[in-house]
Amino acid sequence: MGANMVYMFTNTGFPLFLSSYPVSNGGITPFVTRFGVSVLGVEENVSFLLVLPAVLGAAFFAVPAGLLTERYGKKPVLATGMLLFGLTTFVGALVVQETFQAVVVMSFIGIANAVTTALIFPYLADMMPADRAGEFTGIGSLVWSLAQPIGAIGAGAIADVTGSMRGPFALGGLAMLAAFAVFLSVPRETSAVPRPGPLDVEAL
């Protein structure tokens, strides 16, 4: 197992990507409603509505994300979603001043989240050696499970240090951009490699 973890770190970069991605996601999700209350002045009893655009965006764009994947492959679509997620979160943390602006930003985050959520685990499964799928799934789950609470704690510390809820979102955006940068070094999924069709006589 240790040798396989070293291989994954040095040859695929996937654990680094898996750690950066949930650090971002886990870091910003608990702070959406607090951002609305403390920064935008939204009433606490309606602050949950800020999450609604992200939920709807993720729900409605999941199928289009799958169609784009069939056309262009998992890696280009997933990388685009991560880039959109990171840039929207980081820029939104700096410029959002009104509730309407926050709704627009959260809508784009929802669309990006639909792409990343739908593709990250299928992509990981496609990278695994078939005879070690359980082992690599366990490694991925371990990294993912540890990174999410670390992200939330780190984001909370940033909020305390900066005195603003903008800090966690800026940090989350940067973490997602870091995950995007690492992901570019991850090999293309095996499903992207052309395979002979069932009627390809020469390939047989």
C-alpha atoms as a PDB file:
ATOM      1  CA  MET A   1       0.000   0.000   0.000  1.00  0.00           C
ATOM      2  CA  GLY A   2       2.803   2.385   0.881  1.00  0.00           C
ATOM      3  CA  ALA A   3       4.494   1.786  -2.458  1.00  0.00           C
ATOM      4  CA  ASN A   4       1.217   2.402  -4.266  1.00  0.00           C
ATOM      5  CA  MET A   5       0.685   5.696  -2.420  1.00  0.00           C
ATOM      6  CA  VAL A   6       4.185   6.802  -3.409  1.00  0.00           C
ATOM      7  CA  TYR A   7       3.391   5.854  -6.998  1.00  0.00           C
ATOM      8  CA  MET A   8       0.167   7.847  -6.984  1.00  0.00           C
ATOM      9  CA  PHE A   9       1.862  10.927  -5.540  1.00  0.00           C
ATOM     10  CA  THR A  10       4.866  10.865  -7.851  1.00  0.00           C
ATOM     11  CA  ASN A  11       3.276   9.657 -11.086  1.00  0.00           C
ATOM     12  CA  THR A  12      -0.328  10.823 -11.068  1.00  0.00           C
ATOM     13  CA  GLY A  13      -0.604  13.690  -8.605  1.00  0.00           C
ATOM     14  CA  PHE A  14      -4.107  12.477  -7.827  1.00  0.00           C
ATOM     15  CA  PRO A  15      -3.850  12.524  -3.996  1.00  0.00           C
ATOM     16  CA  LEU A  16      -2.633  16.132  -4.180  1.00  0.00           C
ATOM     17  CA  PHE A  17      -5.610  16.957  -6.369  1.00  0.00           C
ATOM     18  CA  LEU A  18      -7.966  15.036  -4.067  1.00  0.00           C
ATOM     19  CA  SER A  19      -6.690  16.985  -1.065  1.00  0.00           C
ATOM     20  CA  SER A  20      -6.870  20.438  -2.664  1.00  0.00           C
ATOM     21  CA  TYR A  21     -10.362  19.904  -4.064  1.00  0.00           C
ATOM     22  CA  PRO A  22     -12.162  18.955  -0.812  1.00  0.00           C
ATOM     23  CA  VAL A  23     -10.148  21.575   1.113  1.00  0.00           C
ATOM     24  CA  SER A  24     -11.813  24.099  -1.159  1.00  0.00           C
ATOM     25  CA  ASN A  25     -15.275  22.541  -1.107  1.00  0.00           C
ATOM     26  CA  GLY A  26     -15.245  21.760   2.589  1.00  0.00           C
ATOM     27  CA  GLY A  27     -13.776  25.145   3.392  1.00  0.00           C
ATOM     28  CA  ILE A  28     -16.422  27.336   1.790  1.00  0.00           C
ATOM     29  CA  THR A  29     -19.669  25.365   2.098  1.00  0.00           C
ATOM     30  CA  PRO A  30     -20.241  25.951   5.847  1.00  0.00           C
ATOM     31  CA  PHE A  31     -19.728  29.702   5.411  1.00  0.00           C
ATOM     32  CA  VAL A  32     -22.244  30.542   2.677  1.00  0.00           C
ATOM     33  CA  THR A  33     -25.071  31.505   5.025  1.00  0.00           C
ATOM     34  CA  ARG A  34     -22.701  33.315   7.401  1.00  0.00           C
ATOM     35  CA  PHE A  35     -21.379  35.331   4.465  1.00  0.00           C
ATOM     36  CA  GLY A  36     -24.923  36.392   3.627  1.00  0.00           C
ATOM     37  CA  VAL A  37     -25.669  37.466   7.183  1.00  0.00           C
ATOM     38  CA  SER A  38     -22.415  39.191   8.142  1.00  0.00           C
ATOM     39  CA  VAL A  39     -21.331  40.665   4.792  1.00  0.00           C
ATOM     40  CA  LEU A  40     -24.542  41.204   2.824  1.00  0.00           C
ATOM     41  CA  GLY A  41     -26.897  41.889   5.722  1.00  0.00           C
ATOM     42  CA  VAL A  42     -29.323  39.104   4.793  1.00  0.00           C
ATOM     43  CA  GLU A  43     -31.775  38.037   7.504  1.00  0.00           C
ATOM     44  CA  GLU A  44     -30.779  34.766   9.130  1.00  0.00           C
ATOM     45  CA  ASN A  45     -34.135  33.113   8.426  1.00  0.00           C
ATOM     46  CA  VAL A  46     -33.675  33.547   4.651  1.00  0.00           C
ATOM     47  CA  SER A  47     -29.892  33.245   4.395  1.00  0.00           C
ATOM     48  CA  PHE A  48     -30.229  29.621   3.290  1.00  0.00           C
ATOM     49  CA  LEU A  49     -31.668  30.913   0.010  1.00  0.00           C
ATOM     50  CA  LEU A  50     -28.126  31.839  -1.029  1.00  0.00           C
ATOM     51  CA  VAL A  51     -27.379  28.126  -1.289  1.00  0.00           C
ATOM     52  CA  LEU A  52     -30.429  27.483  -3.491  1.00  0.00           C
ATOM     53  CA  PRO A  53     -28.906  28.805  -6.776  1.00  0.00           C
ATOM     54  CA  ALA A  54     -25.916  26.505  -6.324  1.00  0.00           C
ATOM     55  CA  VAL A  55     -28.184  23.519  -5.672  1.00  0.00           C
ATOM     56  CA  LEU A  56     -30.369  24.280  -8.693  1.00  0.00           C
ATOM     57  CA  GLY A  57     -27.357  24.941 -10.910  1.00  0.00           C
ATOM     58  CA  ALA A  58     -25.832  21.622  -9.911  1.00  0.00           C
ATOM     59  CA  ALA A  59     -29.113  19.774 -10.476  1.00  0.00           C
ATOM     60  CA  PHE A  60     -29.925  21.235 -13.883  1.00  0.00           C
ATOM     61  CA  PHE A  61     -26.395  21.128 -15.296  1.00  0.00           C
ATOM     62  CA  ALA A  62     -25.520  17.561 -14.304  1.00  0.00           C
ATOM     63  CA  VAL A  63     -26.942  16.067 -17.512  1.00  0.00           C
ATOM     64  CA  PRO A  64     -25.353  18.691 -19.829  1.00  0.00           C
ATOM     65  CA  ALA A  65     -22.047  18.022 -18.068  1.00  0.00           C
ATOM     66  CA  GLY A  66     -22.403  14.349 -18.945  1.00  0.00           C
ATOM     67  CA  LEU A  67     -23.166  15.169 -22.575  1.00  0.00           C
ATOM     68  CA  LEU A  68     -20.122  17.431 -22.783  1.00  0.00           C
ATOM     69  CA  THR A  69     -18.041  14.621 -21.302  1.00  0.00           C
ATOM     70  CA  GLU A  70     -19.182  12.199 -23.991  1.00  0.00           C
ATOM     71  CA  ARG A  71     -18.084  14.675 -26.641  1.00  0.00           C
ATOM     72  CA  TYR A  72     -14.816  16.026 -25.210  1.00  0.00           C
ATOM     73  CA  GLY A  73     -13.716  13.512 -22.560  1.00  0.00           C
ATOM     74  CA  LYS A  74     -13.626  13.638 -18.774  1.00  0.00           C
ATOM     75  CA  LYS A  75     -10.387  15.532 -18.230  1.00  0.00           C
ATOM     76  CA  PRO A  76     -11.071  18.661 -20.359  1.00  0.00           C
ATOM     77  CA  VAL A  77     -14.598  19.032 -18.975  1.00  0.00           C
ATOM     78  CA  LEU A  78     -13.546  18.410 -15.379  1.00  0.00           C
ATOM     79  CA  ALA A  79     -10.624  20.838 -15.676  1.00  0.00           C
ATOM     80  CA  THR A  80     -12.937  23.517 -17.090  1.00  0.00           C
ATOM     81  CA  GLY A  81     -15.372  23.024 -14.218  1.00  0.00           C
ATOM     82  CA  MET A  82     -12.602  23.312 -11.648  1.00  0.00           C
ATOM     83  CA  LEU A  83     -11.233  26.467 -13.257  1.00  0.00           C
ATOM     84  CA  LEU A  84     -14.701  28.047 -13.320  1.00  0.00           C
ATOM     85  CA  PHE A  85     -15.273  27.007  -9.705  1.00  0.00           C
ATOM     86  CA  GLY A  86     -11.984  28.471  -8.493  1.00  0.00           C
ATOM     87  CA  LEU A  87     -12.147  31.747 -10.415  1.00  0.00           C
ATOM     88  CA  THR A  88     -15.807  32.392  -9.578  1.00  0.00           C
ATOM     89  CA  THR A  89     -15.282  31.708  -5.886  1.00  0.00           C
ATOM     90  CA  PHE A  90     -12.128  33.807  -5.589  1.00  0.00           C
ATOM     91  CA  VAL A  91     -13.377  36.785  -7.601  1.00  0.00           C
ATOM     92  CA  GLY A  92     -16.807  36.607  -5.980  1.00  0.00           C
ATOM     93  CA  ALA A  93     -15.238  36.748  -2.530  1.00  0.00           C
ATOM     94  CA  LEU A  94     -13.585  40.042  -3.440  1.00  0.00           C
ATOM     95  CA  VAL A  95     -16.271  41.861  -5.432  1.00  0.00           C
ATOM     96  CA  VAL A  96     -19.725  40.728  -4.227  1.00  0.00           C
ATOM     97  CA  GLN A  97     -21.509  43.575  -2.463  1.00  0.00           C
ATOM     98  CA  GLU A  98     -25.205  42.791  -2.961  1.00  0.00           C
ATOM     99  CA  THR A  99     -27.476  39.793  -2.580  1.00  0.00           C
ATOM    100  CA  PHE A 100     -28.242  39.662  -6.310  1.00  0.00           C
ATOM    101  CA  GLN A 101     -24.525  39.495  -7.105  1.00  0.00           C
ATOM    102  CA  ALA A 102     -24.140  36.656  -4.605  1.00  0.00           C
ATOM    103  CA  VAL A 103     -27.007  34.767  -6.261  1.00  0.00           C
ATOM    104  CA  VAL A 104     -25.335  35.099  -9.671  1.00  0.00           C
ATOM    105  CA  VAL A 105     -21.990  33.917  -8.282  1.00  0.00           C
ATOM    106  CA  MET A 106     -23.596  30.968  -6.497  1.00  0.00           C
ATOM    107  CA  SER A 107     -25.372  29.996  -9.725  1.00  0.00           C
ATOM    108  CA  PHE A 108     -22.043  29.757 -11.553  1.00  0.00           C
ATOM    109  CA  ILE A 109     -20.573  27.838  -8.625  1.00  0.00           C
ATOM    110  CA  GLY A 110     -23.505  25.428  -8.854  1.00  0.00           C
ATOM    111  CA  ILE A 111     -22.846  24.840 -12.542  1.00  0.00           C
ATOM    112  CA  ALA A 112     -19.148  24.269 -11.876  1.00  0.00           C
ATOM    113  CA  ASN A 113     -19.974  22.006  -8.950  1.00  0.00           C
ATOM    114  CA  ALA A 114     -22.224  19.904 -11.178  1.00  0.00           C
ATOM    115  CA  VAL A 115     -19.259  19.234 -13.433  1.00  0.00           C
ATOM    116  CA  THR A 116     -16.762  18.478 -10.677  1.00  0.00           C
ATOM    117  CA  THR A 117     -19.113  16.358  -8.571  1.00  0.00           C
ATOM    118  CA  ALA A 118     -20.323  14.318 -11.527  1.00  0.00           C
ATOM    119  CA  LEU A 119     -16.870  13.585 -12.926  1.00  0.00           C
ATOM    120  CA  ILE A 120     -14.311  13.440 -10.134  1.00  0.00           C
ATOM    121  CA  PHE A 121     -15.054   9.920  -8.904  1.00  0.00           C
ATOM    122  CA  PRO A 122     -15.672   8.378 -12.349  1.00  0.00           C
ATOM    123  CA  TYR A 123     -12.337   9.901 -13.382  1.00  0.00           C
ATOM    124  CA  LEU A 124     -10.632   8.455 -10.320  1.00  0.00           C
ATOM    125  CA  ALA A 125     -12.189   5.053 -11.008  1.00  0.00           C
ATOM    126  CA  ASP A 126     -10.919   5.228 -14.577  1.00  0.00           C
ATOM    127  CA  MET A 127      -7.376   5.803 -13.309  1.00  0.00           C
ATOM    128  CA  MET A 128      -7.335   2.815 -10.965  1.00  0.00           C
ATOM    129  CA  PRO A 129      -5.713  -0.510 -11.818  1.00  0.00           C
ATOM    130  CA  ALA A 130      -8.642  -2.919 -12.092  1.00  0.00           C
ATOM    131  CA  ASP A 131      -7.090  -5.429  -9.691  1.00  0.00           C
ATOM    132  CA  ARG A 132      -6.541  -2.764  -7.003  1.00  0.00           C
ATOM    133  CA  ALA A 133      -9.766  -0.793  -7.230  1.00  0.00           C
ATOM    134  CA  GLY A 134     -10.671  -1.349  -3.573  1.00  0.00           C
ATOM    135  CA  GLU A 135      -7.241  -0.301  -2.348  1.00  0.00           C
ATOM    136  CA  PHE A 136      -7.130   2.896  -4.382  1.00  0.00           C
ATOM    137  CA  THR A 137     -10.724   3.736  -3.470  1.00  0.00           C
ATOM    138  CA  GLY A 138      -9.742   3.488   0.181  1.00  0.00           C
ATOM    139  CA  ILE A 139      -6.764   5.784  -0.327  1.00  0.00           C
ATOM    140  CA  GLY A 140      -8.930   8.318  -2.131  1.00  0.00           C
ATOM    141  CA  SER A 141     -11.590   8.181   0.591  1.00  0.00           C
ATOM    142  CA  LEU A 142      -8.946   8.665   3.287  1.00  0.00           C
ATOM    143  CA  VAL A 143      -7.488  11.752   1.623  1.00  0.00           C
ATOM    144  CA  TRP A 144     -10.949  13.157   0.896  1.00  0.00           C
ATOM    145  CA  SER A 145     -12.239  12.565   4.445  1.00  0.00           C
ATOM    146  CA  LEU A 146      -9.238  14.230   6.065  1.00  0.00           C
ATOM    147  CA  ALA A 147      -9.131  17.209   3.718  1.00  0.00           C
ATOM    148  CA  GLN A 148     -12.738  18.363   4.205  1.00  0.00           C
ATOM    149  CA  PRO A 149     -12.611  19.072   7.962  1.00  0.00           C
ATOM    150  CA  ILE A 150      -9.121  20.509   7.575  1.00  0.00           C
ATOM    151  CA  GLY A 151     -10.504  22.875   4.946  1.00  0.00           C
ATOM    152  CA  ALA A 152     -13.375  23.967   7.188  1.00  0.00           C
ATOM    153  CA  ILE A 153     -11.084  24.542  10.166  1.00  0.00           C
ATOM    154  CA  GLY A 154      -8.594  26.437   8.010  1.00  0.00           C
ATOM    155  CA  ALA A 155     -11.332  28.589   6.526  1.00  0.00           C
ATOM    156  CA  GLY A 156     -12.635  29.380  10.002  1.00  0.00           C
ATOM    157  CA  ALA A 157      -9.153  30.390  11.113  1.00  0.00           C
ATOM    158  CA  ILE A 158      -8.833  32.656   8.068  1.00  0.00           C
ATOM    159  CA  ALA A 159     -12.168  34.274   8.947  1.00  0.00           C
ATOM    160  CA  ASP A 160     -10.934  34.925  12.492  1.00  0.00           C
ATOM    161  CA  VAL A 161      -7.625  36.370  11.329  1.00  0.00           C
ATOM    162  CA  THR A 162      -9.090  38.603   8.618  1.00  0.00           C
ATOM    163  CA  GLY A 163     -12.210  39.520  10.567  1.00  0.00           C
ATOM    164  CA  SER A 164     -14.357  38.916   7.487  1.00  0.00           C
ATOM    165  CA  MET A 165     -16.264  36.077   5.865  1.00  0.00           C
ATOM    166  CA  ARG A 166     -14.651  37.008   2.562  1.00  0.00           C
ATOM    167  CA  GLY A 167     -11.425  35.317   3.637  1.00  0.00           C
ATOM    168  CA  PRO A 168     -12.715  31.715   3.584  1.00  0.00           C
ATOM    169  CA  PHE A 169     -14.143  32.134   0.084  1.00  0.00           C
ATOM    170  CA  ALA A 170     -10.935  33.651  -1.239  1.00  0.00           C
ATOM    171  CA  LEU A 171      -9.008  30.767   0.350  1.00  0.00           C
ATOM    172  CA  GLY A 172     -11.443  28.226  -1.094  1.00  0.00           C
ATOM    173  CA  GLY A 173     -11.090  29.722  -4.552  1.00  0.00           C
ATOM    174  CA  LEU A 174      -7.304  29.582  -4.349  1.00  0.00           C
ATOM    175  CA  ALA A 175      -7.422  25.972  -3.135  1.00  0.00           C
ATOM    176  CA  MET A 176      -9.611  25.025  -6.095  1.00  0.00           C
ATOM    177  CA  LEU A 177      -7.237  26.793  -8.490  1.00  0.00           C
ATOM    178  CA  ALA A 178      -4.382  24.845  -6.883  1.00  0.00           C
ATOM    179  CA  ALA A 179      -6.344  21.626  -7.433  1.00  0.00           C
ATOM    180  CA  PHE A 180      -6.865  22.661 -11.059  1.00  0.00           C
ATOM    181  CA  ALA A 181      -3.120  23.242 -11.513  1.00  0.00           C
ATOM    182  CA  VAL A 182      -2.277  19.841 -10.014  1.00  0.00           C
ATOM    183  CA  PHE A 183      -4.992  18.148 -12.054  1.00  0.00           C
ATOM    184  CA  LEU A 184      -3.361  19.297 -15.284  1.00  0.00           C
ATOM    185  CA  SER A 185      -0.459  16.952 -14.483  1.00  0.00           C
ATOM    186  CA  VAL A 186      -2.745  13.955 -13.928  1.00  0.00           C
ATOM    187  CA  PRO A 187      -2.734  11.530 -16.890  1.00  0.00           C
ATOM    188  CA  ARG A 188      -5.727  11.531 -19.195  1.00  0.00           C
ATOM    189  CA  GLU A 189      -8.361   8.940 -18.319  1.00  0.00           C
ATOM    190  CA  THR A 190      -8.052   5.557 -19.960  1.00  0.00           C
ATOM    191  CA  SER A 191     -11.490   5.903 -21.539  1.00  0.00           C
ATOM    192  CA  ALA A 192     -10.091   8.738 -23.653  1.00  0.00           C
ATOM    193  CA  VAL A 193      -7.712   6.351 -25.417  1.00  0.00           C
ATOM    194  CA  PRO A 194      -9.234   5.185 -28.724  1.00  0.00           C
ATOM    195  CA  ARG A 195     -10.260   1.548 -28.659  1.00  0.00           C
ATOM    196  CA  PRO A 196     -11.138  -0.696 -31.590  1.00  0.00           C
ATOM    197  CA  GLY A 197     -14.832  -1.167 -32.192  1.00  0.00           C
ATOM    198  CA  PRO A 198     -16.470  -4.594 -32.194  1.00  0.00           C
ATOM    199  CA  LEU A 199     -16.432  -4.722 -36.017  1.00  0.00           C
ATOM    200  CA  ASP A 200     -12.777  -3.676 -36.404  1.00  0.00           C
ATOM    201  CA  VAL A 201     -11.524  -6.845 -38.119  1.00  0.00           C
ATOM    202  CA  GLU A 202      -7.921  -5.641 -38.449  1.00  0.00           C
ATOM    203  CA  ALA A 203      -7.687  -4.968 -34.725  1.00  0.00           C
ATOM    204  CA  LEU A 204      -8.728  -8.548 -34.064  1.00  0.00           C
END
